[in-house]
């Protein structure tokens, strides 16, 4: 996944002209959090008991990155 993120960010920046990209990850998914941090995403916060999964509320970590768009 780490290898794919630069390509996705390039596409988002140049083709879609996006400014901000978010990634939502279940709390406890350490591997995904590490990949996002290594790719330049910043932790924005935790949405506590945000989603119902298998009859249990789970929390979500929110990460984001600001993409520099060419003018």
Protein backbone atom coordinates (compact mmCIF):
# COMPACT_ATOMS: atom_id res chain seq x y z
CA UNK A 1 0.00 0.00 0.00
CA UNK A 2 2.85 2.38 0.79
CA UNK A 3 3.95 2.23 -2.86
CA UNK A 4 0.45 3.07 -4.15
CA UNK A 5 -0.16 6.21 -2.09
CA UNK A 6 2.19 8.52 -4.08
CA UNK A 7 0.41 7.53 -7.31
CA UNK A 8 -3.00 8.19 -5.76
CA UNK A 9 -1.85 11.56 -4.40
CA UNK A 10 -0.43 12.52 -7.79
CA UNK A 11 -3.71 11.62 -9.49
CA UNK A 12 -5.70 13.51 -6.85
CA UNK A 13 -3.50 16.59 -7.21
CA UNK A 14 -3.09 16.81 -10.96
CA UNK A 15 -6.22 15.22 -12.40
CA UNK A 16 -8.88 15.77 -9.75
CA UNK A 17 -7.43 19.05 -8.43
CA UNK A 18 -8.21 18.05 -4.83
CA UNK A 19 -6.85 20.12 -1.98
CA UNK A 20 -7.43 17.81 0.99
CA UNK A 21 -7.57 14.02 1.19
CA UNK A 22 -8.82 12.12 4.22
CA UNK A 23 -8.32 8.54 5.34
CA UNK A 24 -10.52 6.91 7.98
CA UNK A 25 -9.07 3.91 9.81
CA UNK A 26 -10.51 1.69 12.53
CA UNK A 27 -8.82 2.19 15.89
CA UNK A 28 -6.35 -0.63 16.35
CA UNK A 29 -5.36 -0.91 12.69
CA UNK A 30 -1.74 -0.06 13.46
CA UNK A 31 -0.39 -1.05 10.04
CA UNK A 32 -2.64 1.33 8.13
CA UNK A 33 -1.88 4.16 10.54
CA UNK A 34 1.87 3.64 10.04
CA UNK A 35 1.52 3.68 6.25
CA UNK A 36 -0.49 6.90 6.35
CA UNK A 37 1.99 8.62 8.67
CA UNK A 38 4.95 7.54 6.51
CA UNK A 39 3.12 8.98 3.50
CA UNK A 40 2.74 12.41 5.10
CA UNK A 41 -0.80 12.16 6.47
CA UNK A 42 -1.43 13.88 9.81
CA UNK A 43 -3.66 12.52 12.55
CA UNK A 44 -6.69 14.81 12.87
CA UNK A 45 -8.52 13.08 15.69
CA UNK A 46 -10.58 10.11 16.80
CA UNK A 47 -14.30 9.68 16.25
CA UNK A 48 -15.28 7.71 19.34
CA UNK A 49 -17.98 5.04 18.95
CA UNK A 50 -18.65 6.43 15.49
CA UNK A 51 -19.67 3.31 13.60
CA UNK A 52 -21.63 0.17 14.35
CA UNK A 53 -19.83 -3.00 13.24
CA UNK A 54 -21.00 -6.50 14.18
CA UNK A 55 -23.37 -5.02 16.80
CA UNK A 56 -20.45 -3.20 18.47
CA UNK A 57 -19.59 0.48 18.29
CA UNK A 58 -16.09 1.11 16.95
CA UNK A 59 -13.96 4.23 16.91
CA UNK A 60 -12.37 5.70 13.80
CA UNK A 61 -9.02 7.49 13.45
CA UNK A 62 -9.09 10.35 10.92
CA UNK A 63 -5.95 11.28 8.96
CA UNK A 64 -5.57 13.93 6.28
CA UNK A 65 -3.07 15.45 3.93
CA UNK A 66 -3.16 18.78 2.12
CA UNK A 67 -2.22 18.40 -1.53
CA UNK A 68 -0.34 21.23 -3.22
CA UNK A 69 -2.27 22.00 -6.37
CA UNK A 70 -0.51 23.61 -9.30
CA UNK A 71 -2.03 26.97 -10.23
